[in-house]
């Protein structure tokens, strides 16, 4: 893809609900240790914001949540359940704690369509760990970036409640491509 397809910081400087929906159909790219670029089309996302209790920024700036308050387009990677990584991209203006969790990808680097069907699975498949936390995905030399790919219509997108959390489960802040077999769960 052309370099001008890369998403810039202004794309992410919006409310996480808008970014979560607009990331569907975009490509997450990561350069691995062999300098090979692995790509996957984003098929599922979830929005998080500091004013709701399931967001890591809910209690303000802490050692864990400090990345959420950085510049829009920054990668926020955290370790959960003592065994899994999850990758998010920071949204809104610096100082506001919000992000979009990348829940699932359609892999463009292999034929196993379920290899990235969940936030932990996609991090494992792409080699994403906390080593990439605080990566500026919009810088010209970043190892992780996002590219425009497909424009989806509203009829291709489902909006529903988030899954896998205990607090604020009722918020319809999860988005996915309705017909895509790579979505984590329905």
Protein backbone atom coordinates (compact mmCIF):
# COMPACT_ATOMS: atom_id res chain seq x y z
CA UNK A 1 0.00 0.00 0.00
CA UNK A 2 1.05 3.57 -0.54
CA UNK A 3 2.52 5.53 2.38
CA UNK A 4 -0.28 8.10 2.04
CA UNK A 5 -2.77 5.41 3.11
CA UNK A 6 -1.28 5.48 6.62
CA UNK A 7 -3.64 6.88 9.25
CA UNK A 8 -2.38 10.01 10.99
CA UNK A 9 -2.88 11.36 14.51
CA UNK A 10 -5.91 13.45 13.54
CA UNK A 11 -7.80 10.25 12.61
CA UNK A 12 -7.42 9.11 16.23
CA UNK A 13 -8.11 12.52 17.86
CA UNK A 14 -11.83 11.79 18.07
CA UNK A 15 -14.21 10.14 20.50
CA UNK A 16 -13.40 6.42 20.78
CA UNK A 17 -16.88 5.44 19.53
CA UNK A 18 -16.19 7.14 16.19
CA UNK A 19 -12.66 5.75 15.93
CA UNK A 20 -13.81 2.22 16.85
CA UNK A 21 -16.38 2.19 14.06
CA UNK A 22 -14.08 3.84 11.50
CA UNK A 23 -11.20 1.42 12.19
CA UNK A 24 -13.29 -1.45 10.83
CA UNK A 25 -11.95 -2.29 7.39
CA UNK A 26 -8.59 -0.62 8.10
CA UNK A 27 -5.34 -2.58 8.20
CA UNK A 28 -3.19 -3.07 11.29
CA UNK A 29 0.45 -3.49 10.20
CA UNK A 30 3.41 -4.63 12.27
CA UNK A 31 7.01 -5.15 11.28
CA UNK A 32 8.32 -8.33 12.91
CA UNK A 33 11.88 -9.21 14.00
CA UNK A 34 12.71 -10.36 10.44
CA UNK A 35 11.55 -7.01 8.99
CA UNK A 36 8.53 -8.77 7.47
CA UNK A 37 5.35 -6.71 7.58
CA UNK A 38 2.36 -8.67 8.90
CA UNK A 39 -1.04 -7.22 8.03
CA UNK A 40 -4.58 -7.88 9.14
CA UNK A 41 -7.87 -6.16 8.36
CA UNK A 42 -9.59 -4.95 11.51
CA UNK A 43 -12.96 -6.70 11.83
CA UNK A 44 -13.85 -6.06 15.49
CA UNK A 45 -13.21 -3.24 17.98
CA UNK A 46 -14.35 -1.94 21.38
CA UNK A 47 -14.30 1.64 22.64
CA UNK A 48 -13.21 2.67 26.16
CA UNK A 49 -13.29 6.09 27.82
CA UNK A 50 -12.14 7.37 31.22
CA UNK A 51 -15.68 8.28 32.36
CA UNK A 52 -16.86 4.65 32.44
CA UNK A 53 -15.64 2.06 34.99
CA UNK A 54 -14.35 -0.63 32.61
CA UNK A 55 -11.69 1.73 31.21
CA UNK A 56 -8.21 1.45 32.71
CA UNK A 57 -8.17 5.28 32.86
CA UNK A 58 -11.28 5.42 35.08
CA UNK A 59 -9.23 6.05 38.25
CA UNK A 60 -6.96 8.60 36.59
CA UNK A 61 -3.31 8.39 35.68
CA UNK A 62 -1.55 5.36 37.18
CA UNK A 63 1.57 3.47 36.16
CA UNK A 64 -0.59 1.07 34.12
CA UNK A 65 -2.95 3.64 32.61
CA UNK A 66 -0.53 6.48 31.84
CA UNK A 67 -0.27 5.49 28.16
CA UNK A 68 -4.03 6.08 27.75
CA UNK A 69 -3.48 9.79 28.39
CA UNK A 70 -0.80 10.19 25.70
CA UNK A 71 -1.08 11.48 22.14
CA UNK A 72 -3.80 10.00 19.93
CA UNK A 73 -2.42 7.19 17.80
CA UNK A 74 -0.22 5.78 20.57
CA UNK A 75 -0.33 2.02 21.08
CA UNK A 76 -1.46 0.90 24.55
CA UNK A 77 -0.52 -2.73 25.22
CA UNK A 78 -1.28 -4.38 28.54
CA UNK A 79 -0.90 -7.84 30.06
CA UNK A 80 -4.03 -9.48 31.41
CA UNK A 81 -4.97 -12.63 33.33
CA UNK A 82 -1.25 -13.32 33.80
CA UNK A 83 -0.94 -14.74 30.30
CA UNK A 84 -2.36 -12.54 27.49
CA UNK A 85 -1.57 -9.22 25.82
CA UNK A 86 -4.19 -6.85 24.46
CA UNK A 87 -3.52 -4.01 21.98
CA UNK A 88 -5.38 -0.70 21.96
CA UNK A 89 -4.86 2.57 20.16
CA UNK A 90 -5.21 5.82 22.15
CA UNK A 91 -7.89 8.26 21.00
CA UNK A 92 -8.92 11.87 21.65
CA UNK A 93 -6.72 14.75 22.75
CA UNK A 94 -3.69 14.21 24.96
CA UNK A 95 -4.75 14.20 28.61
CA UNK A 96 -8.08 12.41 28.01
CA UNK A 97 -7.91 8.71 28.85
CA UNK A 98 -9.54 6.80 26.02
CA UNK A 99 -8.70 4.07 23.54
CA UNK A 100 -10.02 1.48 21.14
CA UNK A 101 -9.28 -2.19 21.75
CA UNK A 102 -8.48 -4.10 18.57
CA UNK A 103 -10.54 -7.26 19.19
CA UNK A 104 -10.08 -9.21 15.95
CA UNK A 105 -8.38 -9.14 12.56
CA UNK A 106 -8.82 -10.93 9.28
CA UNK A 107 -5.22 -12.07 8.75
CA UNK A 108 -3.67 -11.13 5.43
CA UNK A 109 -0.43 -13.02 6.19
CA UNK A 110 -1.74 -16.60 6.53
CA UNK A 111 -4.74 -18.81 5.69
CA UNK A 112 -5.82 -19.55 9.27
CA UNK A 113 -8.85 -17.22 9.48
CA UNK A 114 -9.26 -17.77 13.25
CA UNK A 115 -5.62 -17.02 14.21
CA UNK A 116 -6.52 -13.39 15.09
CA UNK A 117 -10.12 -13.97 16.26
CA UNK A 118 -9.76 -12.31 19.65
CA UNK A 119 -7.59 -9.66 21.28
CA UNK A 120 -5.13 -12.10 22.88
CA UNK A 121 -4.98 -14.32 19.78
CA UNK A 122 -4.13 -11.42 17.49
CA UNK A 123 -1.38 -10.18 19.82
CA UNK A 124 0.12 -13.67 19.94
CA UNK A 125 -0.06 -14.10 16.15
CA UNK A 126 1.52 -10.69 15.49
CA UNK A 127 4.08 -10.86 18.31
CA UNK A 128 2.62 -7.85 20.13
CA UNK A 129 3.75 -7.49 23.73
CA UNK A 130 4.27 -4.70 26.25
CA UNK A 131 7.58 -4.00 24.49
CA UNK A 132 5.44 -2.09 21.97
CA UNK A 133 3.50 -0.12 24.61
CA UNK A 134 3.72 3.64 23.95
CA UNK A 135 4.63 3.15 20.26
CA UNK A 136 3.55 6.16 18.18
CA UNK A 137 1.69 4.37 15.37
CA UNK A 138 1.64 7.57 13.30
CA UNK A 139 5.39 8.24 13.20
CA UNK A 140 7.18 7.61 9.92
CA UNK A 141 9.49 4.92 11.33
CA UNK A 142 7.01 3.09 13.59
CA UNK A 143 7.03 -0.70 13.83
CA UNK A 144 3.23 -0.61 14.14
CA UNK A 145 0.84 1.46 12.03
CA UNK A 146 -2.66 1.58 10.59
CA UNK A 147 -3.65 1.96 6.94
CA UNK A 148 -6.89 2.83 5.19
CA UNK A 149 -8.24 -0.11 3.22
CA UNK A 150 -11.99 -0.67 2.83
CA UNK A 151 -14.81 1.79 3.26
CA UNK A 152 -17.72 -0.02 4.88
CA UNK A 153 -21.35 0.99 4.83
CA UNK A 154 -23.42 1.12 8.00
CA UNK A 155 -25.29 -2.03 6.92
CA UNK A 156 -21.98 -3.98 7.07
CA UNK A 157 -21.38 -3.00 10.72
CA UNK A 158 -22.98 -4.36 13.88
CA UNK A 159 -22.93 -2.39 17.12
CA UNK A 160 -23.49 -4.25 20.37
CA UNK A 161 -22.45 -4.45 24.01
CA UNK A 162 -18.83 -5.14 24.87
CA UNK A 163 -17.79 -8.66 25.89
CA UNK A 164 -15.25 -10.11 28.30
CA UNK A 165 -15.59 -7.36 30.91
CA UNK A 166 -17.35 -7.13 34.27
CA UNK A 167 -18.11 -3.40 34.53
CA UNK A 168 -20.19 -1.28 32.15
CA UNK A 169 -21.18 -4.37 30.16
CA UNK A 170 -24.38 -2.69 29.03
CA UNK A 171 -22.65 -0.03 26.92
CA UNK A 172 -23.04 -0.75 23.18
CA UNK A 173 -19.42 0.14 22.44
CA UNK A 174 -18.41 -2.96 20.47
CA UNK A 175 -18.35 -2.87 16.67
CA UNK A 176 -17.78 -5.67 14.18
CA UNK A 177 -18.18 -6.51 10.51
CA UNK A 178 -21.38 -8.55 10.54
CA UNK A 179 -20.55 -11.14 7.88
CA UNK A 180 -16.87 -11.64 8.70
CA UNK A 181 -15.86 -15.13 9.95
CA UNK A 182 -12.84 -13.72 11.85
CA UNK A 183 -14.92 -11.91 14.49
CA UNK A 184 -14.12 -13.27 17.96
CA UNK A 185 -17.65 -13.97 19.22
CA UNK A 186 -21.18 -13.00 18.30
